[in-house]
Amino acid sequence: MIIQAFLRWVETAKTGDRVRAAQALGRAYVAADMNTLDEHAAEMAMTFLLDDPSPKVRLALAEAVADCARIPRSIILSLAEDQPETAYAVISRSPVLNDMDLVDLAAKGTPETRAVIAARQAMSRPVAAAIAEIGGEEEVLILLENNQASFSCRTLKRLSDRLGHLWSVRNRLLDRDDLPADARHALVEKVGAALSGFGLVQAAIGERRVERITREACDKAAVGMAGAAGPDQIPNLVEHLRVTGRLTPAFLLNALCSGKVDFFASAIVNLTAVSNKRVRSILSDGRIHAIRALFENAGLGRDVSALFAEAVLIWRKENRAGSPAVTATISAALLTKLRGRSHISEASGSLADLIEKLTIAEQRQTARDYAQLAARQAA
């Protein structure tokens, strides 16, 4: 009877009175301070208020019931499609809205709607994926800043593909520990492309040198990622590098000389279609002819395959001896062998330049490590 009287009163009450009444009704329902009959009547009254001509009344109702998990879906869905201020109150908080509801609201809503959804607590992977697929820069930044949002590897890759050219999104992605290695490399490539395309840099050191330095820096970063990537990420990183044309002989030799043997083996598996077990067996125990045949099957020329085979034998020897400086040993030994040859092909010559750079880099790193150790001992 109280609800019936309320409905009659609403028809003639002033807006301010209806606002207060909507708040009181919503709070009473949330507090569950009613019997079953009154609760049903309250639901009917709230449904009636959805058609109130004043947005202030509907907003008051939305704010009162937004956090309630018992509120009928029909009421929440209606409020979620109301004017922006009213809709945002329930979209941002209501536990009644499920993943499908939120995905649907994101798809047909405005950027502001998606921004509100992106900031929700306990953001699920499907909803995050939906915003990653259609959201703009601002919505995606809010999503990436949401510490409670859950992302799949596929979603993070999609974000790097769609919006990785934007420095704000790119930086946020690169700061994430869960960013897949192949997506991280793609973003590093975009950083390099942005730097190489910068007119001031080109004017200062020349376009060709910029391209060379950028490529070397990207290759160095990729080798570092190859060492840091988990076993489950390495095949995807290898495939990404192959598709993008980065899996060159120079890059493979860099990885091998740098001690990234797991990555190197995975790359050979990708290039030859030989089983992972067979490739690792040849690298670990195979004879020189089997090693060279494997590398030639991967597309390396005869002279280059010989150089790679020598690198594998050096790695194998030093690894079994437990040498702590395998990387420096491989590059230095290869450089000595190449310098002792009377004839070096063009391909081997370019690789020799790479090996010399690796040797110098390792020498400088050794010197830095020694200086740091000496400083600690002196302190």
Protein backbone atom coordinates (compact mmCIF):
# COMPACT_ATOMS: atom_id res chain seq x y z
CA MET A 1 0.00 0.00 0.00
CA ILE A 2 2.90 2.35 0.73
CA ILE A 3 4.29 1.85 -2.79
CA GLN A 4 0.90 2.50 -4.37
CA ALA A 5 0.66 5.74 -2.43
CA PHE A 6 4.20 6.59 -3.55
CA LEU A 7 3.28 6.12 -7.21
CA ARG A 8 0.25 8.39 -6.86
CA TRP A 9 2.36 11.02 -5.12
CA VAL A 10 5.11 10.90 -7.79
CA GLU A 11 2.69 12.02 -10.51
CA THR A 12 2.22 15.45 -8.91
CA ALA A 13 5.40 15.92 -6.83
CA LYS A 14 8.02 18.53 -7.67
CA THR A 15 11.34 17.48 -9.21
CA GLY A 16 13.39 18.03 -6.05
CA ASP A 17 10.96 15.93 -4.03
CA ARG A 18 11.04 13.16 -6.64
CA VAL A 19 14.85 13.16 -6.58
CA ARG A 20 14.88 12.64 -2.82
CA ALA A 21 12.17 10.01 -3.08
CA ALA A 22 14.12 8.08 -5.77
CA GLN A 23 17.22 8.12 -3.54
CA ALA A 24 15.24 6.90 -0.52
CA LEU A 25 13.52 4.15 -2.52
CA GLY A 26 16.80 2.92 -4.02
CA ARG A 27 18.62 2.93 -0.69
CA ALA A 28 15.80 1.08 1.04
CA TYR A 29 15.88 -1.60 -1.66
CA VAL A 30 19.67 -1.94 -1.44
CA ALA A 31 19.48 -2.23 2.35
CA ALA A 32 16.97 -5.08 1.90
CA ASP A 33 14.82 -3.48 4.56
CA MET A 34 11.60 -4.85 3.02
CA ASN A 35 9.55 -8.01 2.93
CA THR A 36 9.12 -9.94 -0.32
CA LEU A 37 5.88 -8.21 -1.24
CA ASP A 38 7.27 -4.72 -0.64
CA GLU A 39 10.48 -5.60 -2.52
CA HIS A 40 8.49 -6.55 -5.59
CA ALA A 41 6.47 -3.36 -5.31
CA ALA A 42 9.70 -1.35 -4.96
CA GLU A 43 11.00 -2.91 -8.18
CA MET A 44 7.80 -1.86 -9.93
CA ALA A 45 8.20 1.67 -8.55
CA MET A 46 11.81 1.91 -9.71
CA THR A 47 10.78 0.67 -13.12
CA PHE A 48 8.14 3.40 -13.19
CA LEU A 49 10.83 6.00 -12.34
CA LEU A 50 12.80 5.01 -15.45
CA ASP A 51 10.27 7.07 -17.41
CA ASP A 52 10.50 10.12 -15.16
CA PRO A 53 10.84 13.23 -17.35
CA SER A 54 13.63 14.65 -15.19
CA PRO A 55 17.16 13.21 -15.74
CA LYS A 56 17.96 14.25 -12.15
CA VAL A 57 15.47 11.71 -10.84
CA ARG A 58 16.88 8.91 -12.97
CA LEU A 59 20.43 9.87 -11.95
CA ALA A 60 19.46 9.78 -8.28
CA LEU A 61 18.04 6.30 -8.74
CA ALA A 62 21.14 5.13 -10.65
CA GLU A 63 23.53 6.36 -7.98
CA ALA A 64 21.46 4.72 -5.23
CA VAL A 65 21.38 1.24 -6.80
CA ALA A 66 24.61 1.17 -8.85
CA ASP A 67 26.50 -1.08 -6.40
CA CYS A 68 23.63 -3.48 -5.73
CA ALA A 69 23.95 -7.00 -7.12
CA ARG A 70 20.24 -7.84 -6.52
CA ILE A 71 18.76 -5.09 -8.65
CA PRO A 72 16.82 -6.49 -11.65
CA ARG A 73 18.82 -6.50 -14.91
CA SER A 74 15.99 -4.74 -16.72
CA ILE A 75 16.44 -1.69 -14.49
CA ILE A 76 20.23 -1.61 -14.75
CA LEU A 77 20.25 -2.11 -18.52
CA SER A 78 17.71 0.69 -18.94
CA LEU A 79 19.79 3.04 -16.80
CA ALA A 80 22.94 2.02 -18.72
CA GLU A 81 21.33 3.28 -21.92
CA ASP A 82 20.06 6.51 -20.39
CA GLN A 83 21.68 9.93 -20.75
CA PRO A 84 25.48 9.88 -20.25
CA GLU A 85 25.68 10.98 -16.61
CA THR A 86 23.04 8.46 -15.54
CA ALA A 87 24.46 5.69 -17.72
CA TYR A 88 28.02 6.19 -16.45
CA ALA A 89 26.88 5.80 -12.84
CA VAL A 90 25.82 2.19 -13.42
CA ILE A 91 28.28 1.29 -16.19
CA SER A 92 31.22 2.16 -13.98
CA ARG A 93 30.04 0.24 -10.92
CA SER A 94 27.17 -2.17 -11.39
CA PRO A 95 27.98 -5.86 -10.68
CA VAL A 96 24.80 -6.80 -12.54
CA LEU A 97 26.41 -6.03 -15.90
CA ASN A 98 28.20 -9.11 -17.22
CA ASP A 99 30.97 -9.35 -19.80
CA MET A 100 28.54 -9.59 -22.72
CA ASP A 101 26.68 -6.51 -21.52
CA LEU A 102 29.90 -4.51 -21.24
CA VAL A 103 31.20 -5.68 -24.63
CA ASP A 104 27.89 -4.67 -26.20
CA LEU A 105 27.94 -1.27 -24.49
CA ALA A 106 31.53 -0.71 -25.60
CA ALA A 107 30.70 -1.62 -29.19
CA LYS A 108 27.72 0.68 -29.58
CA GLY A 109 28.76 3.35 -27.11
CA THR A 110 30.77 6.55 -27.36
CA PRO A 111 34.49 6.94 -26.55
CA GLU A 112 33.39 8.28 -23.16
CA THR A 113 31.37 5.12 -22.54
CA ARG A 114 34.37 2.94 -23.38
CA ALA A 115 36.56 5.08 -21.11
CA VAL A 116 34.16 4.47 -18.21
CA ILE A 117 34.15 0.73 -18.92
CA ALA A 118 37.97 0.70 -19.17
CA ALA A 119 38.23 2.10 -15.65
CA ARG A 120 35.98 -0.57 -14.07
CA GLN A 121 37.37 -2.70 -11.28
CA ALA A 122 38.18 -6.35 -11.98
CA MET A 123 38.25 -5.82 -15.75
CA SER A 124 37.98 -9.22 -17.46
CA ARG A 125 39.95 -10.34 -20.51
CA PRO A 126 36.97 -10.38 -22.94
CA VAL A 127 36.03 -6.80 -22.08
CA ALA A 128 39.64 -5.64 -22.25
CA ALA A 129 39.92 -7.32 -25.66
CA ALA A 130 36.82 -5.50 -26.92
CA ILE A 131 38.18 -2.10 -25.90
CA ALA A 132 41.60 -2.96 -27.35
CA GLU A 133 39.93 -3.77 -30.67
CA ILE A 134 37.87 -0.60 -31.10
CA GLY A 135 39.08 1.87 -28.48
CA GLY A 136 40.99 5.04 -29.27
CA GLU A 137 44.11 6.36 -27.58
CA GLU A 138 42.42 7.78 -24.48
CA GLU A 139 40.30 4.72 -23.77
CA VAL A 140 43.26 2.39 -24.25
CA LEU A 141 45.48 4.46 -21.97
CA ILE A 142 42.83 4.28 -19.23
CA LEU A 143 42.63 0.53 -19.80
CA LEU A 144 46.42 0.10 -19.55
CA GLU A 145 46.50 2.23 -16.39
CA ASN A 146 43.83 0.05 -14.77
CA ASN A 147 45.81 -2.20 -12.43
CA GLN A 148 42.85 -4.55 -12.09
CA ALA A 149 42.47 -5.14 -15.82
CA SER A 150 43.37 -8.60 -17.10
CA PHE A 151 44.97 -8.97 -20.55
CA SER A 152 45.63 -11.95 -22.75
CA CYS A 153 48.82 -12.09 -24.84
CA ARG A 154 46.66 -11.77 -27.94
CA THR A 155 45.11 -8.52 -26.66
CA LEU A 156 48.51 -6.99 -25.90
CA LYS A 157 49.72 -7.94 -29.37
CA ARG A 158 46.62 -6.40 -30.90
CA LEU A 159 47.22 -3.16 -29.01
CA SER A 160 50.81 -3.03 -30.23
CA ASP A 161 49.62 -3.57 -33.82
CA ARG A 162 46.79 -1.03 -33.69
CA LEU A 163 48.20 1.76 -31.57
CA GLY A 164 51.89 1.01 -31.17
CA HIS A 165 52.72 3.99 -33.40
CA LEU A 166 51.43 6.29 -30.63
CA TRP A 167 54.25 7.00 -28.17
CA SER A 168 51.87 7.20 -25.19
CA VAL A 169 50.43 3.72 -25.80
CA ARG A 170 53.80 2.31 -26.87
CA ASN A 171 55.51 3.44 -23.66
CA ARG A 172 52.75 1.96 -21.53
CA LEU A 173 53.03 -1.36 -23.32
CA LEU A 174 56.82 -1.48 -23.11
CA ASP A 175 56.59 -0.92 -19.35
CA ARG A 176 54.58 -4.12 -18.93
CA ASP A 177 56.37 -7.29 -17.84
CA ASP A 178 53.69 -9.46 -19.45
CA LEU A 179 54.12 -8.01 -22.96
CA PRO A 180 54.94 -10.92 -25.33
CA ALA A 181 58.43 -10.84 -26.80
CA ASP A 182 57.25 -10.61 -30.42
CA ALA A 183 54.99 -7.67 -29.59
CA ARG A 184 57.83 -5.99 -27.69
CA HIS A 185 60.12 -6.34 -30.68
CA ALA A 186 57.47 -4.90 -32.99
CA LEU A 187 57.23 -1.84 -30.73
CA VAL A 188 61.01 -1.46 -30.63
CA GLU A 189 60.97 -1.50 -34.43
CA LYS A 190 58.42 1.30 -34.37
CA VAL A 191 60.65 3.29 -32.04
CA GLY A 192 63.52 2.80 -34.47
CA ALA A 193 61.36 3.81 -37.42
CA ALA A 194 60.27 6.96 -35.60
CA LEU A 195 63.87 7.90 -34.80
CA SER A 196 65.19 7.16 -38.28
CA GLY A 197 62.42 9.27 -39.78
CA PHE A 198 63.24 12.26 -37.60
CA GLY A 199 64.59 14.98 -39.86
CA LEU A 200 67.00 16.43 -37.31
CA VAL A 201 68.69 13.07 -36.77
CA GLN A 202 69.02 12.46 -40.51
CA ALA A 203 70.51 15.90 -41.01
CA ALA A 204 73.02 15.35 -38.21
CA ILE A 205 74.47 11.96 -39.18
CA GLY A 206 73.05 11.12 -42.60
CA GLU A 207 70.14 8.99 -43.72
CA ARG A 208 72.14 5.85 -44.51
CA ARG A 209 74.00 5.88 -41.23
CA VAL A 210 70.76 6.43 -39.36
CA GLU A 211 69.27 3.37 -41.03
CA ARG A 212 72.32 1.25 -40.22
CA ILE A 213 72.51 2.37 -36.61
CA THR A 214 68.77 1.87 -36.16
CA ARG A 215 68.90 -1.63 -37.59
CA GLU A 216 71.86 -2.59 -35.42
CA ALA A 217 70.14 -1.20 -32.33
CA CYS A 218 66.92 -3.10 -33.12
CA ASP A 219 68.89 -6.30 -33.71
CA LYS A 220 70.71 -5.84 -30.41
CA ALA A 221 67.40 -5.28 -28.62
CA ALA A 222 65.93 -8.38 -30.29
CA VAL A 223 68.88 -10.51 -29.19
CA GLY A 224 68.37 -9.25 -25.65
CA MET A 225 64.68 -10.18 -25.86
CA ALA A 226 65.64 -13.62 -27.17
CA GLY A 227 67.61 -14.22 -23.99
CA ALA A 228 64.90 -12.88 -21.70
CA ALA A 229 61.91 -14.57 -23.37
CA GLY A 230 60.41 -17.63 -21.74
CA PRO A 231 60.46 -20.99 -23.54
CA ASP A 232 56.79 -20.58 -24.49
CA GLN A 233 57.43 -17.19 -26.13
CA ILE A 234 60.55 -18.02 -28.14
CA PRO A 235 58.77 -19.76 -31.08
CA ASN A 236 56.42 -16.78 -31.52
CA LEU A 237 59.34 -14.35 -31.40
CA VAL A 238 61.23 -16.43 -33.98
CA GLU A 239 58.23 -16.52 -36.31
CA HIS A 240 57.71 -12.77 -35.91
CA LEU A 241 61.36 -12.09 -36.79
CA ARG A 242 61.18 -14.41 -39.79
CA VAL A 243 58.02 -12.79 -41.16
CA THR A 244 59.47 -9.29 -40.71
CA GLY A 245 62.72 -10.23 -42.45
CA ARG A 246 64.89 -9.93 -39.34
CA LEU A 247 66.00 -13.55 -39.18
CA THR A 248 69.12 -12.85 -41.25
CA PRO A 249 72.47 -14.72 -41.09
CA ALA A 250 73.99 -11.73 -39.28
CA PHE A 251 71.21 -11.77 -36.69
CA LEU A 252 71.46 -15.54 -36.19
CA LEU A 253 75.22 -15.33 -35.73
CA ASN A 254 74.74 -12.48 -33.27
CA ALA A 255 72.33 -14.65 -31.25
CA LEU A 256 74.67 -17.63 -31.34
CA CYS A 257 77.76 -15.64 -30.38
CA SER A 258 75.75 -13.99 -27.61
CA GLY A 259 74.96 -17.36 -26.09
CA LYS A 260 71.23 -17.35 -26.91
CA VAL A 261 71.36 -21.01 -27.90
CA ASP A 262 67.73 -21.83 -27.08
CA PHE A 263 66.60 -19.03 -29.37
CA PHE A 264 69.12 -20.03 -32.04
CA ALA A 265 67.92 -23.65 -31.98
CA SER A 266 64.29 -22.53 -32.23
CA ALA A 267 65.21 -20.35 -35.23
CA ILE A 268 66.85 -23.30 -36.99
CA VAL A 269 63.75 -25.41 -36.28
CA ASN A 270 61.60 -22.68 -37.86
CA LEU A 271 63.82 -22.37 -40.95
CA THR A 272 64.32 -26.08 -41.59
CA ALA A 273 61.11 -27.72 -40.30
CA VAL A 274 63.40 -30.28 -38.62
CA SER A 275 62.10 -31.36 -35.21
CA ASN A 276 63.25 -29.47 -32.15
CA LYS A 277 64.68 -32.64 -30.61
CA ARG A 278 66.72 -33.42 -33.75
CA VAL A 279 68.07 -29.87 -34.07
CA ARG A 280 69.20 -29.78 -30.45
CA SER A 281 70.81 -33.20 -30.81
CA ILE A 282 72.84 -32.05 -33.83
CA LEU A 283 73.90 -28.83 -32.13
CA SER A 284 74.93 -30.66 -28.96
CA ASP A 285 76.56 -33.80 -30.32
CA GLY A 286 76.43 -33.83 -34.12
CA ARG A 287 79.51 -34.03 -36.32
CA ILE A 288 80.69 -31.06 -38.34
CA HIS A 289 79.14 -32.38 -41.57
CA ALA A 290 75.73 -32.85 -39.92
CA ILE A 291 75.91 -29.36 -38.45
CA ARG A 292 76.77 -27.80 -41.81
CA ALA A 293 74.06 -29.78 -43.57
CA LEU A 294 71.54 -28.52 -41.02
CA PHE A 295 72.56 -24.90 -41.55
CA GLU A 296 72.53 -25.22 -45.34
CA ASN A 297 69.03 -26.68 -45.03
CA ALA A 298 68.17 -23.46 -43.18
CA GLY A 299 69.22 -21.44 -46.23
CA LEU A 300 72.78 -20.51 -45.29
CA GLY A 301 75.44 -20.66 -48.01
CA ARG A 302 78.33 -23.13 -47.83
CA ASP A 303 80.93 -20.62 -46.66
CA VAL A 304 78.52 -19.11 -44.13
CA SER A 305 77.42 -22.52 -42.89
CA ALA A 306 81.06 -23.37 -42.21
CA LEU A 307 81.41 -20.24 -40.08
CA PHE A 308 78.26 -21.10 -38.13
CA ALA A 309 79.47 -24.67 -37.63
CA GLU A 310 82.75 -23.39 -36.20
CA ALA A 311 80.82 -21.13 -33.84
CA VAL A 312 78.75 -24.12 -32.65
CA LEU A 313 81.87 -26.20 -32.03
CA ILE A 314 83.44 -23.38 -30.02
CA TRP A 315 80.26 -22.92 -28.02
CA ARG A 316 80.05 -26.66 -27.40
CA LYS A 317 83.65 -26.84 -26.17
CA GLU A 318 83.43 -23.81 -23.89
CA ASN A 319 80.02 -24.81 -22.56
CA ARG A 320 81.25 -28.26 -21.58
CA ALA A 321 84.30 -26.71 -19.94
CA GLY A 322 82.01 -24.47 -17.91
CA SER A 323 83.65 -21.26 -19.14
CA PRO A 324 82.02 -18.14 -17.64
CA ALA A 325 82.81 -16.06 -20.73
CA VAL A 326 81.41 -18.19 -23.53
CA THR A 327 80.18 -15.19 -25.51
CA ALA A 328 83.57 -13.47 -25.60
CA THR A 329 85.31 -16.74 -26.44
CA ILE A 330 83.07 -17.52 -29.42
CA SER A 331 83.38 -14.10 -31.05
CA ALA A 332 87.14 -13.79 -30.38
CA ALA A 333 87.89 -17.31 -31.65
CA LEU A 334 85.82 -16.81 -34.79
CA LEU A 335 87.50 -13.50 -35.50
CA THR A 336 90.94 -15.13 -35.19
CA LYS A 337 89.94 -17.90 -37.59
CA LEU A 338 88.58 -15.46 -40.16
CA ARG A 339 91.66 -13.26 -40.02
CA GLY A 340 93.82 -16.31 -40.68
CA ARG A 341 92.07 -17.08 -43.96
CA SER A 342 93.62 -15.95 -47.21
CA HIS A 343 90.28 -15.49 -48.91
CA ILE A 344 87.01 -14.35 -47.38
CA SER A 345 83.78 -14.21 -49.35
CA GLU A 346 81.62 -11.10 -49.32
CA ALA A 347 79.08 -12.80 -47.05
CA SER A 348 81.74 -13.97 -44.62
CA GLY A 349 83.33 -10.53 -44.74
CA SER A 350 80.15 -8.81 -43.57
CA LEU A 351 79.80 -11.39 -40.81
CA ALA A 352 83.43 -10.79 -39.85
CA ASP A 353 82.61 -7.11 -39.34
CA LEU A 354 79.74 -8.15 -37.08
CA ILE A 355 81.94 -10.54 -35.11
CA GLU A 356 84.54 -7.82 -34.62
CA LYS A 357 81.86 -5.48 -33.25
CA LEU A 358 80.65 -8.22 -30.90
CA THR A 359 84.21 -8.84 -29.73
CA ILE A 360 84.77 -5.15 -29.02
CA ALA A 361 81.43 -4.89 -27.23
CA GLU A 362 82.29 -7.89 -25.05
CA GLN A 363 85.72 -6.44 -24.25
CA ARG A 364 84.14 -3.16 -23.20
CA GLN A 365 81.55 -4.96 -21.08
CA THR A 366 84.30 -6.99 -19.41
CA ALA A 367 86.17 -3.77 -18.63
CA ARG A 368 83.03 -2.21 -17.14
CA ASP A 369 82.39 -5.28 -15.00
CA TYR A 370 85.99 -5.26 -13.80
CA ALA A 371 85.80 -1.55 -12.90
CA GLN A 372 82.58 -2.07 -10.94
CA LEU A 373 84.08 -5.02 -9.07
CA ALA A 374 87.21 -3.02 -8.24
CA ALA A 375 85.10 -0.11 -6.99
CA ARG A 376 83.07 -2.39 -4.71
CA GLN A 377 86.21 -4.01 -3.29
CA ALA A 378 87.78 -0.60 -2.67
CA ALA A 379 84.68 0.52 -0.80
